[in-house]
Amino acid sequence: RSWTDLPALAIKYVRRIEELLQTQVTLLSTS
């Protein structure tokens, strides 16, 4: 329920998707 709960590699994956789509993740669902 927070960025601090996510592994570094998971955050890296999300950031790469943002980069490729040239937009920001507004919400992140984890279940």
All heavy atoms as atom14 arrays in JSON, in Angstrom:
{
  "sequence": "RSWTDLPALAIKYVRRIEELLQTQVTLLSTS",
  "atom14_mask": [
    [1, 1, 1, 1, 1, 1, 1, 1, 1, 1, 1, 0, 0, 0],
    [1, 1, 1, 1, 1, 1, 0, 0, 0, 0, 0, 0, 0, 0],
    [1, 1, 1, 1, 1, 1, 1, 1, 1, 1, 1, 1, 1, 1],
    [1, 1, 1, 1, 1, 1, 1, 0, 0, 0, 0, 0, 0, 0],
    [1, 1, 1, 1, 1, 1, 1, 1, 0, 0, 0, 0, 0, 0],
    [1, 1, 1, 1, 1, 1, 1, 1, 0, 0, 0, 0, 0, 0],
    [1, 1, 1, 1, 1, 1, 1, 0, 0, 0, 0, 0, 0, 0],
    [1, 1, 1, 1, 1, 0, 0, 0, 0, 0, 0, 0, 0, 0],
    [1, 1, 1, 1, 1, 1, 1, 1, 0, 0, 0, 0, 0, 0],
    [1, 1, 1, 1, 1, 0, 0, 0, 0, 0, 0, 0, 0, 0],
    [1, 1, 1, 1, 1, 1, 1, 1, 0, 0, 0, 0, 0, 0],
    [1, 1, 1, 1, 1, 1, 1, 1, 1, 0, 0, 0, 0, 0],
    [1, 1, 1, 1, 1, 1, 1, 1, 1, 1, 1, 1, 0, 0],
    [1, 1, 1, 1, 1, 1, 1, 0, 0, 0, 0, 0, 0, 0],
    [1, 1, 1, 1, 1, 1, 1, 1, 1, 1, 1, 0, 0, 0],
    [1, 1, 1, 1, 1, 1, 1, 1, 1, 1, 1, 0, 0, 0],
    [1, 1, 1, 1, 1, 1, 1, 1, 0, 0, 0, 0, 0, 0],
    [1, 1, 1, 1, 1, 1, 1, 1, 1, 0, 0, 0, 0, 0],
    [1, 1, 1, 1, 1, 1, 1, 1, 1, 0, 0, 0, 0, 0],
    [1, 1, 1, 1, 1, 1, 1, 1, 0, 0, 0, 0, 0, 0],
    [1, 1, 1, 1, 1, 1, 1, 1, 0, 0, 0, 0, 0, 0],
    [1, 1, 1, 1, 1, 1, 1, 1, 1, 0, 0, 0, 0, 0],
    [1, 1, 1, 1, 1, 1, 1, 0, 0, 0, 0, 0, 0, 0],
    [1, 1, 1, 1, 1, 1, 1, 1, 1, 0, 0, 0, 0, 0],
    [1, 1, 1, 1, 1, 1, 1, 0, 0, 0, 0, 0, 0, 0],
    [1, 1, 1, 1, 1, 1, 1, 0, 0, 0, 0, 0, 0, 0],
    [1, 1, 1, 1, 1, 1, 1, 1, 0, 0, 0, 0, 0, 0],
    [1, 1, 1, 1, 1, 1, 1, 1, 0, 0, 0, 0, 0, 0],
    [1, 1, 1, 1, 1, 1, 0, 0, 0, 0, 0, 0, 0, 0],
    [1, 1, 1, 1, 1, 1, 1, 0, 0, 0, 0, 0, 0, 0],
    [1, 1, 1, 1, 1, 1, 0, 0, 0, 0, 0, 0, 0, 0]
  ],
  "atom14_positions": [
    [[0.81, -1.22, 0.0], [0.0, 0.0, 0.0], [0.84, 1.27, 0.0], [0.32, 2.38, 0.16], [-0.95, -0.02, 1.2], [-1.95, -1.17, 1.14], [-2.92, -1.18, 2.29], [-3.82, -2.34, 2.22], [-4.8, -2.57, 3.07], [-5.02, -1.73, 4.07], [-5.56, -3.65, 2.93], [0.0, 0.0, 0.0], [0.0, 0.0, 0.0], [0.0, 0.0, 0.0]],
    [[2.17, 1.11, -0.18], [3.06, 2.26, -0.32], [4.28, 1.85, -1.12], [4.6, 0.65, -1.22], [3.48, 2.81, 1.05], [4.39, 1.93, 1.68], [0.0, 0.0, 0.0], [0.0, 0.0, 0.0], [0.0, 0.0, 0.0], [0.0, 0.0, 0.0], [0.0, 0.0, 0.0], [0.0, 0.0, 0.0], [0.0, 0.0, 0.0], [0.0, 0.0, 0.0]],
    [[4.98, 2.82, -1.68], [6.17, 2.53, -2.46], [7.22, 1.82, -1.63], [7.97, 0.97, -2.13], [6.76, 3.82, -3.04], [6.02, 4.37, -4.21], [5.23, 5.48, -4.23], [5.97, 3.84, -5.54], [4.7, 5.66, -5.49], [5.14, 4.68, -6.32], [6.55, 2.73, -6.16], [4.88, 4.45, -7.66], [6.28, 2.5, -7.52], [5.46, 3.35, -8.24]],
    [[7.28, 2.14, -0.34], [8.28, 1.52, 0.53], [8.03, 0.03, 0.75], [8.92, -0.69, 1.18], [8.33, 2.24, 1.89], [7.02, 2.23, 2.48], [8.79, 3.69, 1.72], [0.0, 0.0, 0.0], [0.0, 0.0, 0.0], [0.0, 0.0, 0.0], [0.0, 0.0, 0.0], [0.0, 0.0, 0.0], [0.0, 0.0, 0.0], [0.0, 0.0, 0.0]],
    [[6.81, -0.42, 0.45], [6.49, -1.85, 0.57], [6.96, -2.66, -0.63], [6.92, -3.89, -0.6], [4.97, -2.05, 0.72], [4.41, -1.46, 2.01], [5.18, -1.35, 2.98], [3.21, -1.12, 2.03], [0.0, 0.0, 0.0], [0.0, 0.0, 0.0], [0.0, 0.0, 0.0], [0.0, 0.0, 0.0], [0.0, 0.0, 0.0], [0.0, 0.0, 0.0]],
    [[7.39, -1.98, -1.69], [7.75, -2.66, -2.93], [9.24, -2.94, -3.01], [10.06, -2.09, -2.62], [7.34, -1.81, -4.14], [5.84, -1.52, -4.34], [5.65, -0.58, -5.52], [5.07, -2.81, -4.55], [0.0, 0.0, 0.0], [0.0, 0.0, 0.0], [0.0, 0.0, 0.0], [0.0, 0.0, 0.0], [0.0, 0.0, 0.0], [0.0, 0.0, 0.0]],
    [[9.64, -4.1, -3.53], [11.06, -4.39, -3.78], [11.63, -3.41, -4.8], [10.9, -2.93, -5.68], [11.04, -5.82, -4.32], [9.71, -6.38, -3.96], [8.77, -5.22, -3.91], [0.0, 0.0, 0.0], [0.0, 0.0, 0.0], [0.0, 0.0, 0.0], [0.0, 0.0, 0.0], [0.0, 0.0, 0.0], [0.0, 0.0, 0.0], [0.0, 0.0, 0.0]],
    [[12.92, -3.16, -4.71], [13.58, -2.21, -5.6], [13.42, -2.61, -7.07], [13.21, -1.75, -7.94], [15.06, -2.09, -5.25], [0.0, 0.0, 0.0], [0.0, 0.0, 0.0], [0.0, 0.0, 0.0], [0.0, 0.0, 0.0], [0.0, 0.0, 0.0], [0.0, 0.0, 0.0], [0.0, 0.0, 0.0], [0.0, 0.0, 0.0], [0.0, 0.0, 0.0]],
    [[13.49, -3.91, -7.36], [13.38, -4.37, -8.74], [11.96, -4.21, -9.27], [11.76, -4.02, -10.48], [13.83, -5.83, -8.86], [15.35, -6.07, -8.72], [15.66, -7.57, -8.66], [16.1, -5.44, -9.89], [0.0, 0.0, 0.0], [0.0, 0.0, 0.0], [0.0, 0.0, 0.0], [0.0, 0.0, 0.0], [0.0, 0.0, 0.0], [0.0, 0.0, 0.0]],
    [[10.97, -4.3, -8.4], [9.58, -4.07, -8.82], [9.38, -2.6, -9.17], [8.72, -2.27, -10.16], [8.62, -4.49, -7.71], [0.0, 0.0, 0.0], [0.0, 0.0, 0.0], [0.0, 0.0, 0.0], [0.0, 0.0, 0.0], [0.0, 0.0, 0.0], [0.0, 0.0, 0.0], [0.0, 0.0, 0.0], [0.0, 0.0, 0.0], [0.0, 0.0, 0.0]],
    [[9.95, -1.71, -8.36], [9.88, -0.28, -8.65], [10.59, 0.03, -9.97], [10.11, 0.82, -10.78], [10.51, 0.54, -7.49], [9.66, 0.37, -6.22], [10.61, 2.02, -7.87], [10.27, 1.02, -5.0], [0.0, 0.0, 0.0], [0.0, 0.0, 0.0], [0.0, 0.0, 0.0], [0.0, 0.0, 0.0], [0.0, 0.0, 0.0], [0.0, 0.0, 0.0]],
    [[11.74, -0.63, -10.19], [12.49, -0.44, -11.43], [11.63, -0.83, -12.64], [11.64, -0.16, -13.68], [13.77, -1.26, -11.39], [14.69, -1.04, -12.58], [15.96, -1.88, -12.46], [16.86, -1.68, -13.67], [18.1, -2.53, -13.58], [0.0, 0.0, 0.0], [0.0, 0.0, 0.0], [0.0, 0.0, 0.0], [0.0, 0.0, 0.0], [0.0, 0.0, 0.0]],
    [[10.9, -1.94, -12.51], [10.01, -2.41, -13.58], [8.92, -1.38, -13.87], [8.65, -1.06, -15.03], [9.4, -3.76, -13.19], [8.46, -4.35, -14.21], [8.94, -4.95, -15.37], [7.08, -4.32, -14.01], [8.08, -5.5, -16.31], [6.21, -4.88, -14.92], [6.71, -5.47, -16.07], [5.84, -6.01, -17.0], [0.0, 0.0, 0.0], [0.0, 0.0, 0.0]],
    [[8.31, -0.86, -12.81], [7.26, 0.15, -12.97], [7.82, 1.4, -13.64], [7.19, 1.97, -14.54], [6.63, 0.5, -11.6], [5.66, 1.67, -11.75], [5.93, -0.71, -11.0], [0.0, 0.0, 0.0], [0.0, 0.0, 0.0], [0.0, 0.0, 0.0], [0.0, 0.0, 0.0], [0.0, 0.0, 0.0], [0.0, 0.0, 0.0], [0.0, 0.0, 0.0]],
    [[9.0, 1.84, -13.22], [9.61, 3.02, -13.81], [9.91, 2.82, -15.29], [9.81, 3.75, -16.1], [10.91, 3.38, -13.06], [10.71, 3.8, -11.6], [9.77, 4.96, -11.46], [9.69, 5.45, -10.1], [8.63, 6.06, -9.59], [7.56, 6.27, -10.33], [8.64, 6.48, -8.34], [0.0, 0.0, 0.0], [0.0, 0.0, 0.0], [0.0, 0.0, 0.0]],
    [[10.3, 1.61, -15.66], [10.57, 1.33, -17.06], [9.29, 1.4, -17.89], [9.31, 1.92, -19.02], [11.21, -0.05, -17.21], [11.57, -0.44, -18.65], [12.46, 0.6, -19.32], [12.87, 0.18, -20.66], [13.23, 1.01, -21.63], [13.25, 2.33, -21.41], [13.59, 0.56, -22.83], [0.0, 0.0, 0.0], [0.0, 0.0, 0.0], [0.0, 0.0, 0.0]],
    [[8.19, 0.93, -17.36], [6.91, 1.05, -18.05], [6.54, 2.52, -18.23], [6.1, 2.94, -19.3], [5.8, 0.29, -17.29], [6.01, -1.23, -17.45], [4.41, 0.69, -17.79], [5.03, -2.08, -16.66], [0.0, 0.0, 0.0], [0.0, 0.0, 0.0], [0.0, 0.0, 0.0], [0.0, 0.0, 0.0], [0.0, 0.0, 0.0], [0.0, 0.0, 0.0]],
    [[6.73, 3.32, -17.19], [6.47, 4.77, -17.29], [7.32, 5.39, -18.4], [6.84, 6.21, -19.18], [6.79, 5.45, -15.97], [5.81, 5.18, -14.85], [6.19, 5.92, -13.58], [7.4, 6.0, -13.27], [5.28, 6.42, -12.89], [0.0, 0.0, 0.0], [0.0, 0.0, 0.0], [0.0, 0.0, 0.0], [0.0, 0.0, 0.0], [0.0, 0.0, 0.0]],
    [[8.58, 5.0, -18.46], [9.51, 5.54, -19.46], [9.06, 5.18, -20.87], [9.06, 6.02, -21.78], [10.91, 5.01, -19.17], [11.99, 5.56, -20.1], [13.36, 4.99, -19.77], [13.46, 3.86, -19.26], [14.35, 5.69, -20.05], [0.0, 0.0, 0.0], [0.0, 0.0, 0.0], [0.0, 0.0, 0.0], [0.0, 0.0, 0.0], [0.0, 0.0, 0.0]],
    [[8.69, 3.93, -21.06], [8.3, 3.46, -22.38], [6.98, 4.08, -22.84], [6.79, 4.35, -24.03], [8.18, 1.93, -22.39], [9.5, 1.16, -22.31], [9.25, -0.31, -21.96], [10.27, 1.26, -23.63], [0.0, 0.0, 0.0], [0.0, 0.0, 0.0], [0.0, 0.0, 0.0], [0.0, 0.0, 0.0], [0.0, 0.0, 0.0], [0.0, 0.0, 0.0]],
    [[6.07, 4.3, -21.89], [4.76, 4.88, -22.22], [4.77, 6.4, -22.16], [3.79, 7.04, -22.55], [3.67, 4.33, -21.29], [3.44, 2.82, -21.32], [2.28, 2.46, -20.39], [3.18, 2.31, -22.73], [0.0, 0.0, 0.0], [0.0, 0.0, 0.0], [0.0, 0.0, 0.0], [0.0, 0.0, 0.0], [0.0, 0.0, 0.0], [0.0, 0.0, 0.0]],
    [[5.86, 6.94, -21.65], [6.02, 8.39, -21.52], [4.87, 9.02, -20.73], [4.31, 10.05, -21.11], [6.15, 9.04, -22.9], [7.37, 8.55, -23.68], [7.49, 9.16, -25.06], [6.66, 9.94, -25.51], [8.54, 8.82, -25.76], [0.0, 0.0, 0.0], [0.0, 0.0, 0.0], [0.0, 0.0, 0.0], [0.0, 0.0, 0.0], [0.0, 0.0, 0.0]],
    [[4.57, 8.38, -19.62], [3.53, 8.88, -18.73], [3.8, 8.41, -17.32], [4.7, 7.6, -17.08], [2.13, 8.42, -19.19], [1.13, 9.18, -18.5], [1.92, 6.93, -18.9], [0.0, 0.0, 0.0], [0.0, 0.0, 0.0], [0.0, 0.0, 0.0], [0.0, 0.0, 0.0], [0.0, 0.0, 0.0], [0.0, 0.0, 0.0], [0.0, 0.0, 0.0]],
    [[3.02, 8.9, -16.37], [3.21, 8.58, -14.97], [2.17, 7.58, -14.49], [1.02, 7.61, -14.91], [3.12, 9.86, -14.13], [3.41, 9.65, -12.64], [3.19, 10.92, -11.83], [2.34, 11.74, -12.15], [3.95, 11.08, -10.77], [0.0, 0.0, 0.0], [0.0, 0.0, 0.0], [0.0, 0.0, 0.0], [0.0, 0.0, 0.0], [0.0, 0.0, 0.0]],
    [[2.62, 6.69, -13.59], [1.68, 5.82, -12.9], [0.96, 6.66, -11.84], [1.58, 7.23, -10.95], [2.4, 4.62, -12.24], [1.44, 3.87, -11.31], [2.91, 3.67, -13.31], [0.0, 0.0, 0.0], [0.0, 0.0, 0.0], [0.0, 0.0, 0.0], [0.0, 0.0, 0.0], [0.0, 0.0, 0.0], [0.0, 0.0, 0.0], [0.0, 0.0, 0.0]],
    [[-0.34, 6.75, -11.98], [-1.17, 7.52, -11.06], [-1.61, 6.67, -9.88], [-1.63, 7.12, -8.74], [-2.41, 8.07, -11.81], [-1.98, 8.91, -12.88], [-3.31, 8.86, -10.88], [0.0, 0.0, 0.0], [0.0, 0.0, 0.0], [0.0, 0.0, 0.0], [0.0, 0.0, 0.0], [0.0, 0.0, 0.0], [0.0, 0.0, 0.0], [0.0, 0.0, 0.0]],
    [[-1.99, 5.43, -10.17], [-2.39, 4.46, -9.16], [-1.68, 3.14, -9.44], [-1.43, 2.8, -10.59], [-3.9, 4.22, -9.19], [-4.83, 5.33, -8.73], [-6.24, 5.06, -9.23], [-4.85, 5.43, -7.23], [0.0, 0.0, 0.0], [0.0, 0.0, 0.0], [0.0, 0.0, 0.0], [0.0, 0.0, 0.0], [0.0, 0.0, 0.0], [0.0, 0.0, 0.0]],
    [[-1.4, 2.4, -8.39], [-0.78, 1.09, -8.52], [-1.58, 0.1, -7.69], [-1.74, 0.27, -6.49], [0.68, 1.12, -8.06], [1.51, -0.15, -8.25], [1.67, -0.47, -9.72], [2.89, 0.02, -7.6], [0.0, 0.0, 0.0], [0.0, 0.0, 0.0], [0.0, 0.0, 0.0], [0.0, 0.0, 0.0], [0.0, 0.0, 0.0], [0.0, 0.0, 0.0]],
    [[-2.12, -0.94, -8.34], [-2.92, -1.94, -7.66], [-2.1, -3.2, -7.42], [-1.45, -3.7, -8.33], [-4.16, -2.28, -8.49], [-4.86, -3.38, -7.94], [0.0, 0.0, 0.0], [0.0, 0.0, 0.0], [0.0, 0.0, 0.0], [0.0, 0.0, 0.0], [0.0, 0.0, 0.0], [0.0, 0.0, 0.0], [0.0, 0.0, 0.0], [0.0, 0.0, 0.0]],
    [[-2.16, -3.72, -6.19], [-1.34, -4.89, -5.85], [-2.17, -6.11, -5.43], [-1.6, -7.09, -4.96], [-0.34, -4.52, -4.73], [-1.07, -4.02, -3.6], [0.65, -3.47, -5.21], [0.0, 0.0, 0.0], [0.0, 0.0, 0.0], [0.0, 0.0, 0.0], [0.0, 0.0, 0.0], [0.0, 0.0, 0.0], [0.0, 0.0, 0.0], [0.0, 0.0, 0.0]],
    [[-3.46, -6.02, -5.6], [-4.35, -7.18, -5.38], [-5.75, -6.75, -5.77], [-6.02, -5.56, -5.96], [-4.32, -7.64, -3.91], [-5.38, -7.07, -3.16], [0.0, 0.0, 0.0], [0.0, 0.0, 0.0], [0.0, 0.0, 0.0], [0.0, 0.0, 0.0], [0.0, 0.0, 0.0], [0.0, 0.0, 0.0], [0.0, 0.0, 0.0], [0.0, 0.0, 0.0]]
  ]
}
